[in-house]
Amino acid sequence: MNKILWIDLETTGLDPDKHGVIQISALYEEDNEIKDRINLKSGVFEKDIIDERAMEINGIKPMDLIKYPEPKIAMADFLLFLENYVDKGDYKDKIYLAGYNTSFDISFLKNWFQKNSNYDFNKYFHRKFIDVMQVAIFFNYNKIIQTKNNKLKTMCDYFGIELAPHDAMNDILATHSLSKKFKGLIKKRE
């Protein structure tokens, strides 16, 4: 059984060591079917830096973060979600992470686990992951598609996928739709 967690995060900046996670949105897919989803808000840790530019981009006001659940509460909710689909005691039972520019989200997610004093990240997730952006780069490089850049918004516009960017749930739903478009391109070329 293939288990994938399509995931996107919104953060207070670009450095996972300095900045915080403020939204985690995920779609749980099993055998090519979305079975569940989660959309969490998370407050920041005391030492997390809030970059004004990042907040402008994601449209969240720093004052709004006060209303968000403490990171430990958000972590508990996220772990409850994960434990529905993975037995962290079984080293073979893991989920593949997938997204757009996935290494960015994974670096923040790993740090978020550690900041929450949880060191079980590798008990839930495979070390290898799926990155739809790398497929976009490959298709552009090989002239299968031709876009001015490989940004998610550019790809969604190219394929007619609706996207209101910089909300984690909107981004991951669009990424999932884009992955289906890419699968269709692959099947056409076979």
Foldseek 3Di string as FASTA:
>chain_A
DAKEKEKDWQWQDQDLVAIATAWIKIFIDDPRRGDDIDIAGEAGDPRHDHDPVSCVVLVHDNVVSVVHHYLLVRVVVVVVVLVVQADLVDLVTEHAYEYAVVVSVVSNVCSSCVVSVHNSPSSHHDPDHYHVLVVQVVCCVVVVDPFPDSDLVRLCVRVVHDAPPNRTNRRSVSRVVSVVVSVVSVVVVD
